[in-house]
Protein backbone atom coordinates (compact mmCIF):
# COMPACT_ATOMS: atom_id res chain seq x y z
CA MET A 1 -11.45 26.22 -4.73
CA THR A 2 -11.50 23.76 -7.68
CA LEU A 3 -9.58 20.95 -5.41
CA LEU A 4 -12.54 21.35 -2.51
CA ILE A 5 -15.31 21.33 -5.37
CA ILE A 6 -13.66 18.30 -6.38
CA ALA A 7 -13.10 16.77 -2.97
CA TYR A 8 -16.86 17.33 -2.13
CA LEU A 9 -17.86 15.37 -5.27
CA GLY A 10 -15.93 12.50 -4.46
CA GLY A 11 -17.42 12.47 -0.93
CA ALA A 12 -21.30 12.69 -2.69
CA LEU A 13 -20.27 9.65 -5.25
CA THR A 14 -19.26 7.72 -2.11
CA ILE A 15 -23.09 6.73 -1.54
CA LEU A 16 -22.47 4.59 -4.99
CA SER A 17 -19.89 2.65 -3.12
CA PRO A 18 -21.28 -1.13 -1.59
CA CYS A 19 -18.14 -0.39 1.26
CA ILE A 20 -20.76 2.17 2.53
CA LEU A 21 -23.75 -0.33 2.87
CA PRO A 22 -23.18 -0.89 6.86
CA ILE A 23 -23.08 2.43 7.42
CA LEU A 24 -26.63 2.88 6.11
CA PRO A 25 -28.49 1.28 9.15
CA PHE A 26 -27.10 3.60 11.79
CA VAL A 27 -28.08 6.68 9.42
CA PHE A 28 -31.61 5.47 8.85
CA ALA A 29 -31.92 4.67 12.24
CA ARG A 30 -32.64 8.52 12.21
CA ALA A 31 -35.27 8.58 9.67
CA GLY A 32 -38.90 10.26 10.41
CA GLN A 33 -36.82 12.53 13.24
CA PRO A 34 -36.47 16.11 13.34
CA PHE A 35 -33.82 17.46 10.92
CA ILE A 36 -32.07 20.39 12.98
CA ARG A 37 -32.10 18.59 16.29
CA SER A 38 -31.44 14.90 15.07
CA THR A 39 -30.05 14.55 11.29
CA LEU A 40 -27.99 17.63 11.10
CA PRO A 41 -25.68 17.32 14.36
CA MET A 42 -25.34 13.26 13.26
CA LEU A 43 -24.26 14.10 9.99
CA THR A 44 -21.98 16.74 11.13
CA GLY A 45 -20.67 14.54 13.83
CA MET A 46 -19.89 11.42 11.21
CA ALA A 47 -18.18 14.39 8.75
CA ALA A 48 -16.09 16.01 11.34
CA THR A 49 -14.75 12.58 12.78
CA PHE A 50 -13.79 11.54 9.23
CA ALA A 51 -11.88 14.48 8.52
CA LEU A 52 -9.85 14.07 11.89
CA VAL A 53 -9.13 10.85 11.49
CA ALA A 54 -8.18 10.95 7.73
CA THR A 55 -5.78 13.75 8.86
CA LEU A 56 -4.30 11.77 11.46
CA ALA A 57 -4.13 8.55 9.49
CA ALA A 58 -2.47 10.90 6.15
CA VAL A 59 0.40 12.88 8.12
CA GLY A 60 0.86 10.79 11.55
CA GLY A 61 2.87 7.25 12.56
CA SER A 62 1.88 4.17 14.08
CA TRP A 63 0.45 5.84 17.04
CA ALA A 64 -2.49 7.29 15.14
CA ILE A 65 -3.23 3.66 13.47
CA HIS A 66 -3.53 2.34 16.87
CA ALA A 67 -5.82 5.19 18.11
CA ASN A 68 -7.91 4.52 14.87
CA GLU A 69 -8.24 0.80 15.73
CA TYR A 70 -9.43 1.90 19.73
CA GLY A 71 -11.86 4.28 18.10
CA ARG A 72 -13.49 2.13 16.10
CA PHE A 73 -13.60 -0.75 18.85
CA ALA A 74 -15.25 1.71 21.08
CA ALA A 75 -17.85 2.81 18.32
CA ILE A 76 -18.93 -1.14 17.37
CA VAL A 77 -19.63 -1.19 21.04
CA LEU A 78 -21.57 1.80 21.23
CA LEU A 79 -23.57 1.24 18.11
CA ALA A 80 -24.10 -2.32 18.81
CA ILE A 81 -25.46 -0.88 22.26
CA PHE A 82 -27.82 1.08 20.43
CA GLY A 83 -28.93 -1.61 18.07
CA VAL A 84 -29.91 -3.96 20.69
CA SER A 85 -32.07 -1.26 22.63
CA LEU A 86 -33.62 -0.54 19.29
CA LEU A 87 -34.39 -4.35 18.55
CA SER A 88 -35.62 -4.93 22.36
CA PRO A 89 -35.22 -2.82 25.16
CA ARG A 90 -36.22 -5.57 27.25
CA ILE A 91 -33.17 -7.93 26.49
CA ALA A 92 -30.80 -4.66 26.30
CA SER A 93 -31.75 -4.17 29.92
CA MET A 94 -31.29 -7.83 30.92
CA VAL A 95 -27.59 -8.14 29.20
CA ALA A 96 -26.35 -5.13 30.82
CA ARG A 97 -28.58 -2.57 32.49
CA PRO A 98 -26.28 0.16 33.18
CA VAL A 99 -24.25 0.13 30.23
CA VAL A 100 -27.76 -0.22 28.36
CA ASP A 101 -28.98 2.90 30.28
CA PHE A 102 -26.22 5.08 29.54
CA GLY A 103 -26.38 4.03 25.98
CA ASN A 104 -30.28 5.09 26.10
CA SER A 105 -29.52 8.42 27.52
CA LEU A 106 -26.92 9.38 25.31
CA LEU A 107 -28.78 7.88 21.87
CA ASN A 108 -32.00 8.49 23.03
CA ALA A 109 -33.13 5.18 21.72
CA SER A 110 -35.49 4.20 24.37
CA ASP A 111 -38.70 2.72 24.13
CA LYS A 112 -41.22 5.23 25.49
CA PRO A 113 -43.47 6.97 23.20
CA GLY A 114 -42.92 10.46 22.15
CA SER A 115 -39.42 10.20 23.26
CA ALA A 116 -37.45 13.09 21.13
CA PRO A 117 -33.62 12.44 20.01
CA THR A 118 -31.45 15.84 21.33
CA ALA A 119 -28.73 17.26 19.25
CA ALA A 120 -25.87 16.11 21.83
CA SER A 121 -27.05 12.55 21.65
CA SER A 122 -27.56 12.39 17.20
CA LEU A 123 -23.80 14.38 17.60
CA ILE A 124 -22.63 11.33 19.53
CA LEU A 125 -24.24 8.98 17.59
CA GLY A 126 -22.58 10.80 14.20
CA VAL A 127 -18.97 10.40 15.86
CA ALA A 128 -19.58 7.10 16.40
CA THR A 129 -20.17 6.69 12.66
CA GLY A 130 -17.67 8.42 11.54
CA LEU A 131 -15.17 6.24 13.75
CA LEU A 132 -16.61 3.31 11.59
CA TRP A 133 -16.71 5.17 8.18
CA ALA A 134 -14.31 3.18 5.74
CA PRO A 135 -14.70 5.04 2.40
CA CYS A 136 -13.31 3.44 -0.89
CA ALA A 137 -10.08 5.28 -1.47
CA GLY A 138 -10.54 6.27 -5.08
CA PRO A 139 -8.63 8.98 -7.01
CA ILE A 140 -10.02 11.74 -5.58
CA LEU A 141 -9.26 10.78 -2.23
CA GLY A 142 -5.92 9.50 -3.12
CA LEU A 143 -5.10 12.68 -4.48
CA VAL A 144 -6.11 14.14 -1.18
CA LEU A 145 -4.15 11.90 0.98
CA THR A 146 -1.18 11.83 -1.24
CA GLY A 147 -0.79 16.08 -0.72
CA ALA A 148 -1.17 15.46 2.88
CA ALA A 149 1.59 12.85 2.67
CA LEU A 150 3.74 15.00 0.50
CA GLN A 151 2.83 18.46 2.50
CA GLY A 152 2.40 17.48 5.91
CA ALA A 153 -0.03 18.95 8.51
CA ASN A 154 -1.75 21.73 7.09
CA ILE A 155 -5.21 23.57 7.19
CA GLN A 156 -5.72 22.85 3.20
CA THR A 157 -5.35 19.07 3.86
CA THR A 158 -8.42 19.38 6.81
CA LEU A 159 -10.30 21.41 4.48
CA LEU A 160 -10.39 18.99 1.42
CA LEU A 161 -11.03 16.59 3.90
CA VAL A 162 -13.71 18.31 5.26
CA ALA A 163 -15.39 18.67 2.04
CA TYR A 164 -14.80 15.19 1.11
CA ALA A 165 -16.70 13.75 4.36
CA ALA A 166 -19.54 16.98 3.69
CA GLY A 167 -20.05 15.47 0.35
CA ALA A 168 -20.78 11.95 1.67
CA ALA A 169 -22.73 13.66 4.38
CA THR A 170 -24.81 15.47 1.72
CA SER A 171 -25.65 12.29 -0.09
CA LEU A 172 -26.59 10.63 2.99
CA ALA A 173 -28.74 13.22 4.00
CA LEU A 174 -30.64 13.21 0.63
CA ALA A 175 -31.01 9.52 1.33
CA LEU A 176 -32.41 10.25 4.55
CA ILE A 177 -35.07 12.71 3.69
CA ALA A 178 -36.23 9.90 1.31
CA GLY A 179 -36.08 7.31 3.84
CA GLY A 180 -38.15 9.42 6.68
CA ARG A 181 -40.51 10.17 4.26
CA MET A 182 -40.73 6.72 3.10
CA PHE A 183 -41.23 5.45 7.09
CA ALA A 184 -43.76 8.28 7.73
CA ALA A 185 -46.14 6.87 5.36
CA LEU A 186 -45.31 2.80 6.43
CA LYS A 187 -46.74 4.34 10.31
CA GLN A 188 -49.52 6.57 8.97
CA SER A 189 -50.82 3.64 6.66
CA LEU A 190 -50.13 0.40 8.43
CA GLY A 191 -49.55 1.24 11.84
CA ILE A 192 -46.38 -0.72 12.51
CA SER A 193 -43.66 1.29 14.19
CA GLU A 194 -42.43 -0.77 16.59
CA ARG A 195 -41.62 -3.27 13.68
CA ILE A 196 -39.75 -0.71 11.82
CA ARG A 197 -37.56 -0.38 14.80
CA GLN A 198 -37.08 -3.84 15.42
CA VAL A 199 -35.88 -3.82 11.61
CA LEU A 200 -33.68 -1.04 12.18
CA GLY A 201 -32.40 -2.46 15.08
CA ALA A 202 -31.24 -5.86 13.21
CA ALA A 203 -29.70 -3.79 10.19
CA ILE A 204 -27.87 -1.86 12.43
CA LEU A 205 -26.43 -5.45 14.37
CA ALA A 206 -26.13 -6.84 11.07
CA GLY A 207 -23.91 -3.61 9.86
CA VAL A 208 -22.12 -3.90 13.10
CA ALA A 209 -21.12 -7.70 12.31
CA ALA A 210 -20.17 -6.82 8.93
CA ILE A 211 -17.60 -4.05 10.30
CA ALA A 212 -16.44 -6.05 13.46
CA LEU A 213 -15.39 -8.84 10.77
CA GLY A 214 -13.55 -6.20 8.42
CA LEU A 215 -15.87 -6.53 5.45
CA ASP A 216 -16.55 -2.75 5.58
CA THR A 217 -12.58 -2.50 4.51
CA GLY A 218 -12.43 -6.01 2.32
CA PHE A 219 -15.04 -7.59 0.23
CA LEU A 220 -17.38 -4.87 0.19
CA ALA A 221 -14.36 -2.12 -0.47
CA ARG A 222 -13.18 -4.80 -3.43
CA LEU A 223 -16.86 -4.01 -4.85
CA SER A 224 -16.43 -0.72 -4.57
CA TYR A 225 -13.28 -0.49 -6.55
CA ALA A 226 -14.91 -1.11 -9.96
CA SER A 227 -18.00 0.67 -9.31
CA THR A 228 -17.03 3.99 -8.22
CA THR A 229 -13.49 4.61 -9.56
CA ALA A 230 -14.78 5.23 -12.79
CA PHE A 231 -17.06 7.85 -11.61
CA GLU A 232 -14.61 9.51 -9.55
CA GLN A 233 -12.01 9.72 -12.84
CA ALA A 234 -14.70 11.40 -14.50
CA VAL A 235 -15.09 14.06 -11.68
CA LEU A 236 -11.28 14.54 -11.54
CA ASP A 237 -11.11 14.76 -15.30
CA ARG A 238 -13.67 17.40 -15.93
CA LEU A 239 -13.09 19.84 -12.97
CA HIS A 240 -9.48 18.99 -12.29
CA ALA A 241 -8.27 19.42 -16.09
CA ASN A 242 -6.28 21.97 -17.65
CA PRO A 243 -8.34 24.93 -17.91
CA ALA A 244 -6.82 25.95 -21.14
CA ALA A 245 -7.79 22.28 -22.50
CA GLY A 246 -9.82 23.77 -25.21
CA ALA A 247 -6.76 26.28 -26.70
CA ARG A 248 -4.41 23.34 -26.51
CA SER A 249 -6.33 21.80 -28.75
CA GLU A 250 -7.08 24.45 -31.31
CA ALA A 251 -3.19 24.59 -31.57
CA VAL A 252 -2.62 21.36 -32.93
CA GLY A 253 -1.89 21.59 -36.35
CA ASN A 254 -1.60 25.48 -36.45
CA GLY A 255 0.51 26.68 -39.31
CA THR A 256 1.82 30.05 -40.62
CA THR A 257 -0.71 32.36 -42.63
CA VAL A 258 0.05 32.23 -46.43
CA ALA A 259 1.01 36.02 -47.32
CA ALA A 260 0.09 37.48 -50.44
CA ALA A 261 2.86 37.63 -53.26
CA GLY A 262 5.28 39.95 -52.49
CA ALA A 263 4.62 40.84 -48.89
CA MET A 264 6.46 39.64 -45.57
CA GLN A 265 5.18 36.75 -44.07
CA PRO A 266 3.84 37.85 -40.03
CA PRO A 267 6.31 35.73 -37.12
CA PHE A 268 4.38 32.86 -36.40
CA ARG A 269 2.33 33.19 -32.82
CA SER A 270 1.02 30.11 -31.04
CA SER A 271 -2.39 30.09 -30.35
CA LEU A 272 -1.35 28.27 -26.74
CA PRO A 273 -2.87 30.27 -23.96
CA ASP A 274 -0.66 32.30 -21.71
CA GLU A 275 -0.43 30.78 -18.19
CA GLY A 276 1.56 33.77 -16.43
CA TYR A 277 5.33 33.71 -15.69
CA ALA A 278 6.94 30.55 -14.86
CA PRO A 279 7.69 30.07 -11.03
CA SER A 280 11.54 29.75 -9.86
CA LEU A 281 13.51 27.01 -10.11
CA ASN A 282 15.31 27.77 -7.06
CA GLY A 283 15.35 25.11 -4.16
CA ALA A 284 16.96 21.87 -5.65
CA VAL A 285 18.82 20.00 -3.05
CA GLU A 286 21.04 19.13 -6.24
CA TRP A 287 21.61 19.17 -10.02
CA LEU A 288 22.51 16.42 -11.84
CA ASN A 289 23.86 16.36 -15.45
CA SER A 290 24.11 20.18 -14.78
CA PRO A 291 25.04 23.04 -12.97
CA PRO A 292 22.33 24.95 -10.90
CA LEU A 293 19.80 26.41 -13.75
CA THR A 294 17.52 29.39 -13.41
CA THR A 295 14.45 30.70 -15.12
CA GLU A 296 16.76 34.13 -16.13
CA GLN A 297 19.35 31.83 -17.38
CA LEU A 298 17.06 29.72 -19.74
CA ARG A 299 15.10 33.30 -21.21
CA GLY A 300 15.26 32.91 -25.02
CA LYS A 301 14.99 28.57 -24.65
CA VAL A 302 11.47 26.59 -24.73
CA VAL A 303 11.80 24.80 -21.45
CA LEU A 304 10.06 21.61 -20.86
CA VAL A 305 9.78 20.91 -17.00
CA ASP A 306 8.93 17.07 -16.16
CA PHE A 307 7.67 16.35 -12.66
CA TRP A 308 8.86 12.45 -12.09
CA THR A 309 10.08 10.27 -9.19
CA TYR A 310 12.14 7.23 -10.51
CA SER A 311 9.58 4.31 -9.03
CA CYS A 312 6.65 6.05 -10.79
CA ILE A 313 5.27 3.46 -13.03
CA ASN A 314 3.41 6.41 -14.67
CA CYS A 315 6.95 8.61 -15.01
CA ILE A 316 8.91 5.12 -16.15
CA ARG A 317 6.25 4.82 -19.53
CA THR A 318 6.76 8.52 -20.03
CA THR A 319 10.33 8.78 -19.86
CA PRO A 320 11.03 7.38 -23.25
CA TYR A 321 9.01 10.35 -24.78
CA VAL A 322 10.50 12.91 -22.72
CA ARG A 323 13.97 11.69 -23.81
CA ALA A 324 13.54 11.36 -27.28
CA TRP A 325 12.07 15.59 -27.58
CA ALA A 326 14.75 16.20 -25.69
CA GLU A 327 17.11 14.24 -28.00
CA LYS A 328 14.92 15.44 -31.64
CA TYR A 329 14.77 19.32 -30.60
CA LYS A 330 17.83 20.11 -28.65
CA GLU A 331 19.70 21.57 -31.86
CA GLN A 332 16.16 23.87 -32.10
CA GLY A 333 16.41 25.46 -28.89
CA LEU A 334 14.56 23.06 -26.45
CA VAL A 335 15.76 22.60 -22.97
CA VAL A 336 14.36 19.66 -20.50
CA ILE A 337 14.95 19.93 -17.08
CA GLY A 338 13.75 17.15 -14.87
CA VAL A 339 12.37 17.91 -10.96
CA HIS A 340 12.77 14.54 -9.55
CA ALA A 341 10.28 15.25 -6.52
CA PRO A 342 10.37 11.90 -4.29
CA GLU A 343 7.00 10.06 -3.55
CA PHE A 344 8.89 7.25 -0.78
CA ALA A 345 11.94 8.10 1.35
CA PHE A 346 14.00 5.91 -0.15
CA GLU A 347 13.71 8.15 -3.40
CA LYS A 348 15.11 11.11 -1.46
CA LYS A 349 18.55 9.55 -1.56
CA ILE A 350 20.59 11.17 -3.93
CA ASP A 351 22.77 8.06 -5.06
CA ASN A 352 19.51 6.40 -5.64
CA VAL A 353 18.28 9.22 -7.97
CA ARG A 354 21.88 9.42 -9.86
CA ARG A 355 21.77 5.18 -10.48
CA ALA A 356 18.19 5.95 -12.01
CA VAL A 357 19.08 8.71 -14.36
CA ASP A 358 22.07 6.36 -15.27
CA ASP A 359 19.35 3.63 -15.90
CA PHE A 360 16.91 5.57 -17.93
CA LYS A 361 19.97 7.22 -19.64
CA ILE A 362 18.68 10.40 -19.01
CA GLY A 363 20.93 12.89 -20.17
CA TYR A 364 18.94 16.19 -19.71
CA PRO A 365 19.41 18.32 -16.59
CA VAL A 366 17.80 16.77 -13.59
CA ALA A 367 16.98 18.90 -9.93
CA ILE A 368 16.48 16.83 -6.94
CA ASP A 369 13.50 18.56 -4.98
CA ASN A 370 13.35 16.71 -1.78
CA ASP A 371 11.87 19.54 -0.02
CA TYR A 372 9.13 19.98 -3.03
CA THR A 373 10.01 23.70 -3.14
CA ILE A 374 10.08 23.36 -7.33
CA TRP A 375 6.67 21.41 -6.82
CA ARG A 376 4.91 24.18 -4.43
CA ALA A 377 6.23 26.84 -6.44
CA PHE A 378 4.31 25.53 -9.85
CA GLY A 379 1.29 24.13 -7.35
CA ASN A 380 1.81 21.04 -8.55
CA SER A 381 -0.24 17.61 -7.34
CA TYR A 382 0.75 14.87 -9.96
CA TRP A 383 3.69 12.57 -11.32
CA PRO A 384 4.16 13.06 -13.96
CA ALA A 385 3.41 16.71 -15.16
CA HIS A 386 4.83 18.38 -17.95
CA TYR A 387 5.29 22.51 -18.21
CA LEU A 388 5.92 23.88 -21.26
CA ILE A 389 7.62 27.44 -20.69
CA ASP A 390 8.52 30.09 -24.11
CA ALA A 391 11.30 32.06 -24.81
CA SER A 392 9.90 35.07 -22.76
CA GLY A 393 9.53 32.79 -19.62
CA ARG A 394 5.93 32.14 -19.61
CA ILE A 395 3.87 29.06 -18.96
CA ARG A 396 1.96 27.94 -22.18
CA TYR A 397 0.75 24.39 -21.75
CA HIS A 398 0.72 21.92 -19.14
CA HIS A 399 -0.63 18.33 -19.02
CA PHE A 400 -1.14 15.89 -15.91
CA GLY A 401 0.08 12.32 -16.45
CA GLU A 402 0.53 9.76 -19.42
CA GLY A 403 -0.63 10.12 -22.65
CA ASN A 404 -1.50 12.97 -25.20
CA TYR A 405 1.88 12.63 -26.59
CA ASP A 406 1.47 13.83 -29.83
CA GLN A 407 -0.18 17.15 -28.53
CA THR A 408 2.68 17.84 -26.15
CA GLU A 409 4.85 17.37 -28.87
CA GLN A 410 2.70 19.85 -31.05
CA ALA A 411 3.02 22.21 -28.54
CA ILE A 412 6.72 22.13 -28.50
CA GLN A 413 6.90 22.56 -31.83
CA ASP A 414 4.81 25.55 -31.63
CA LEU A 415 6.68 27.17 -29.12
CA LEU A 416 9.97 26.62 -30.81
CA ARG A 417 8.85 28.11 -34.24
CA GLU A 418 7.30 31.23 -31.84
CA ALA A 419 10.69 31.34 -30.70
CA GLY A 420 12.30 31.55 -34.18
CA SER A 421 12.91 28.36 -35.53
CA ASP A 422 12.63 27.60 -38.61
CA MET A 423 11.82 23.76 -38.22
CA GLU A 424 9.95 22.06 -40.77
CA ALA A 425 6.73 20.04 -39.26
CA SER A 426 7.66 16.55 -38.90
CA ALA A 427 6.43 13.20 -37.68
CA PRO A 428 6.32 12.67 -33.89
CA VAL A 429 8.22 10.52 -32.27
CA ALA A 430 7.71 6.94 -31.83
CA PRO A 431 9.99 5.40 -28.79
CA ASP A 432 10.84 1.94 -28.82
CA ALA A 433 10.10 1.40 -25.43
CA LYS A 434 10.83 -2.28 -23.21
CA GLY A 435 10.06 -3.61 -20.23
CA ALA A 436 8.17 -1.53 -17.86
CA GLU A 437 9.22 1.74 -19.94
CA ALA A 438 6.30 0.02 -22.83
CA GLY A 439 2.66 1.69 -22.73
CA PRO A 440 0.07 -0.02 -20.48
CA ASP A 441 -2.74 -2.19 -22.00
CA THR A 442 -4.79 0.21 -20.78
CA LYS A 443 -8.39 -2.04 -21.74
CA ASN A 444 -7.65 -4.81 -19.41
CA ILE A 445 -6.62 -3.14 -16.30
CA ARG A 446 -8.92 -4.18 -13.27
CA SER A 447 -6.37 -3.86 -10.59
CA GLY A 448 -4.86 -0.20 -9.36
CA GLU A 449 -1.94 0.77 -7.09
CA THR A 450 -1.39 -0.79 -3.89
CA TYR A 451 0.53 0.26 -0.87
CA LEU A 452 1.86 -2.20 1.31
CA GLY A 453 2.75 0.16 4.19
CA TYR A 454 0.33 0.84 6.67
CA LYS A 455 -0.16 4.52 6.02
CA ARG A 456 -2.12 3.72 3.03
CA ALA A 457 -2.61 0.13 2.96
CA THR A 458 -5.93 -1.57 1.71
CA SER A 459 -7.34 -4.72 1.15
CA PHE A 460 -5.04 -6.79 3.39
CA ALA A 461 -6.02 -10.64 3.23
CA SER A 462 -3.85 -11.76 5.71
CA ARG A 463 -5.44 -13.94 8.91
CA GLU A 464 -3.86 -11.53 10.99
CA ASN A 465 -4.42 -8.28 11.55
CA LEU A 466 -1.74 -5.66 10.19
CA SER A 467 0.03 -4.64 12.79
CA ALA A 468 1.98 -1.46 12.80
CA ASP A 469 5.86 -1.37 13.38
CA ALA A 470 6.05 -4.62 15.11
CA SER A 471 7.27 -7.84 13.88
CA ARG A 472 4.70 -10.46 13.14
CA GLN A 473 4.23 -13.95 12.20
CA TYR A 474 1.72 -13.32 8.82
CA SER A 475 -0.08 -16.16 6.70
CA VAL A 476 -2.39 -15.80 4.01
CA ALA A 477 -4.72 -18.48 2.29
CA GLU A 478 -5.99 -17.48 -1.44
CA PRO A 479 -6.67 -13.96 -1.90
CA THR A 480 -9.96 -12.88 -4.01
CA LEU A 481 -9.09 -10.16 -7.05
CA ASN A 482 -7.19 -7.09 -5.77
CA GLU A 483 -6.60 -8.66 -2.34
CA TRP A 484 -3.08 -9.11 -1.04
CA GLY A 485 -1.49 -11.03 1.91
CA LEU A 486 1.70 -11.61 3.80
CA SER A 487 3.43 -14.61 4.85
CA GLY A 488 6.36 -15.09 7.21
CA ILE A 489 7.96 -12.43 9.71
CA TRP A 490 7.54 -9.15 8.65
CA THR A 491 7.41 -5.77 9.92
CA VAL A 492 5.26 -3.41 8.55
CA GLY A 493 6.04 0.20 8.55
CA ALA A 494 4.51 3.58 7.20
CA GLU A 495 5.65 3.09 3.46
CA GLN A 496 7.18 -0.25 3.59
CA ALA A 497 6.64 -3.96 4.81
CA THR A 498 10.44 -5.18 5.94
CA LEU A 499 10.99 -8.90 5.52
CA ASP A 500 12.86 -10.06 8.95
CA GLN A 501 13.43 -13.86 8.41
CA ALA A 502 14.00 -15.42 4.91
CA ASN A 503 11.12 -17.89 2.89
CA GLY A 504 8.73 -14.76 3.47
CA GLY A 505 6.24 -14.27 0.83
CA ILE A 506 3.74 -12.13 -0.51
CA ALA A 507 0.41 -12.72 -2.89
CA TYR A 508 -1.77 -10.60 -4.99
CA ARG A 509 -4.70 -11.87 -6.79
CA PHE A 510 -4.38 -9.27 -9.71
CA SER A 511 -6.20 -8.81 -13.10
CA ALA A 512 -4.11 -6.80 -15.92
CA ARG A 513 -1.09 -7.53 -18.42
CA ASP A 514 1.58 -6.32 -16.18
CA LEU A 515 2.64 -6.63 -12.86
CA HIS A 516 5.12 -4.47 -10.87
CA LEU A 517 6.48 -4.21 -7.57
CA VAL A 518 8.77 -1.52 -5.65
CA LEU A 519 11.37 -3.46 -3.80
CA GLY A 520 14.65 -2.68 -1.98
CA PRO A 521 17.50 -4.58 -0.77
CA GLY A 522 16.72 -2.89 2.78
CA ALA A 523 19.20 -1.23 5.38
CA ALA A 524 22.09 -4.04 4.80
CA ALA A 525 21.94 -3.24 1.13
CA LYS A 526 22.77 -6.92 0.12
CA PRO A 527 21.25 -8.96 -2.86
CA VAL A 528 17.99 -10.44 -2.21
CA ARG A 529 16.84 -13.54 -4.26
CA PHE A 530 13.55 -14.21 -4.95
CA LYS A 531 11.15 -16.24 -7.20
CA VAL A 532 7.90 -15.78 -8.56
CA THR A 533 4.76 -18.21 -9.05
CA ILE A 534 1.66 -17.36 -11.21
CA ASP A 535 -1.21 -19.55 -10.54
CA GLY A 536 1.64 -21.78 -8.27
CA LYS A 537 3.42 -22.24 -11.35
CA ALA A 538 6.65 -20.86 -12.82
CA PRO A 539 5.46 -17.77 -15.17
CA GLY A 540 7.36 -19.18 -18.41
CA ALA A 541 6.39 -16.66 -21.29
CA ASP A 542 4.87 -14.64 -18.74
CA HIS A 543 7.64 -13.62 -16.78
CA GLY A 544 8.35 -9.81 -16.73
CA ALA A 545 11.73 -7.56 -17.48
CA ASP A 546 12.87 -8.32 -13.89
CA THR A 547 12.22 -12.37 -13.75
CA ASP A 548 13.18 -15.27 -15.76
CA ALA A 549 10.77 -18.25 -17.26
CA GLY A 550 11.66 -19.85 -13.89
CA GLY A 551 10.41 -16.74 -12.12
CA ASN A 552 14.06 -16.19 -10.75
CA GLY A 553 15.14 -12.86 -10.12
CA THR A 554 17.29 -10.47 -7.43
CA VAL A 555 16.30 -7.27 -5.68
CA THR A 556 19.88 -5.60 -5.94
CA SER A 557 18.63 -1.88 -5.44
CA THR A 558 15.28 0.09 -4.39
CA ARG A 559 13.36 0.36 -7.47
CA LEU A 560 10.62 -0.65 -9.35
CA TYR A 561 10.61 -4.06 -10.70
CA GLN A 562 8.77 -5.64 -13.51
CA LEU A 563 7.69 -9.23 -12.33
CA ILE A 564 4.58 -10.35 -14.51
CA ARG A 565 3.94 -9.76 -18.20
CA GLN A 566 1.01 -11.55 -19.33
CA SER A 567 2.19 -12.73 -23.43
CA GLY A 568 -1.54 -14.33 -24.12
CA ASP A 569 -4.94 -13.43 -23.02
CA VAL A 570 -5.08 -11.10 -19.54
CA GLU A 571 -7.26 -12.63 -16.99
CA ALA A 572 -7.13 -13.01 -13.49
CA ARG A 573 -4.44 -14.80 -11.89
CA THR A 574 -3.10 -15.26 -8.57
CA PHE A 575 0.53 -13.59 -8.04
CA GLU A 576 3.20 -15.05 -5.18
CA ILE A 577 6.77 -14.13 -4.85
CA ARG A 578 8.94 -15.24 -1.87
CA PHE A 579 12.31 -13.98 -1.21
CA LEU A 580 15.36 -16.42 -0.27
CA ASP A 581 16.54 -13.83 1.82
CA ALA A 582 15.59 -11.74 4.50
CA GLY A 583 15.80 -7.61 4.59
CA VAL A 584 14.19 -7.10 1.52
CA GLU A 585 11.75 -3.76 1.49
CA ALA A 586 8.06 -3.75 -0.44
CA TYR A 587 6.65 -0.55 -1.25
CA ALA A 588 3.75 -0.73 -3.64
CA PHE A 589 2.32 -3.01 -6.61
CA THR A 590 1.29 -1.47 -9.88
CA PHE A 591 -0.26 -2.52 -12.86
CA GLY A 592 0.32 -2.32 -16.46
């Protein structure tokens, strides 16, 4: 229920997004019409169509992408006819009388006085609008689509997308009611009904042109990234926070009770809440650094379960703390278990995970949860996620994402004391993290995670349209902030873009201290050489951990590569990487 509320509120916030602007003229064209017969069917059709298309995009393949492209084209044509018939029915009749007659009969957009819209015509207008609706993928929609990608087609995915669409429909309905009253007042006081129709027709045609030119998913979407992400993140933080957050904060600094002289000191009891028995750890396809462990075997121990995946930058930055806790508290009874739940297909390869475990110097047990069995048992939705289990096998604390390290460590100490440890209070760990493991510069991040596979690709700036699962020549000029593009011959798959011929490149205009890119050598597994530039020059002191001052580097395994770390003031820069060999696979940009 909480996720449904979050999805609904996230949809409602889309009214604040500039990328919704091309949709508004289609909605306001129904201003002043009966709500039940006109407004409600249109909004229902729009919400239902968006939920259906988004579900197919989340769980489908290239056929879903092509189907959506055809649907957008059909919707553009249909709504252009609607706009022309509003602007001038005479012109519409001269251009294409049969088609316009059909459009007018569907949309009830004729200029006959007293004509009333039908529920069917409004529903069809809503379906066409839904096909064009491209809301900005902020944190809330990203959470819904990530869950769909992990769990496949299911009723929960569709319900969440319906809730998201219903939220947007609600905010649009409120705007429409306000707009309807304004238009009614204009009609009564000024008698300019025909002018209003013509203005609406012009606005609709302008919206059609914006959508046909890709402005709804390009320029306006980029504006939306900055304008609504903070609102959506605030909703997530407030409604999807750990329900025991208040109790956790009370536990910080909790000590033993001072007894009267000569009396026995009562056993320590942490004020951390009881969140129920921990689920089973069964279902991992393999264990690294340990034989399989069960919750029964771990009774009497305090257990930290860390959900992670090895190319996730947030997980990478958390790993130094998890390593330090495992080392510091192992003699006191703490057992750390990493549950590796993959985001990309390459992270399901056990050899890749084994190599990552070695690279990150992880010595604690790691359960490879390729089928998401443990993930689902915990009801988890995040990378990274930490769950603390007490000595009796009950969950007493959990935290999602980076940060709150001191609070998590205090919870570890509390549960260890509760289990009987006589450990003394100590300062929290302070890992000497380097490279990608170093914490982010949160004050200066203006760029967000960006996927290159067509399933979740956004802000694509190449001159050519992105083709799913087909080899194509791409070119890119100068991208604007948070745009990216390909150059050379690439095949874009659902999760990654693969370079078919040498000397292809990727450009991205970003604003952050660090730029990372998840790369792999491809099926041939041969090293791929690359060269990085920033604003057209070698990075020099701004190079990352995986490049030198000249921008040179090599892709040897599939993982996250830190390519840029700005050493001075952080500002918007144009990044470009050119691959000297074919076969490289590029998955996602992240920033820090």
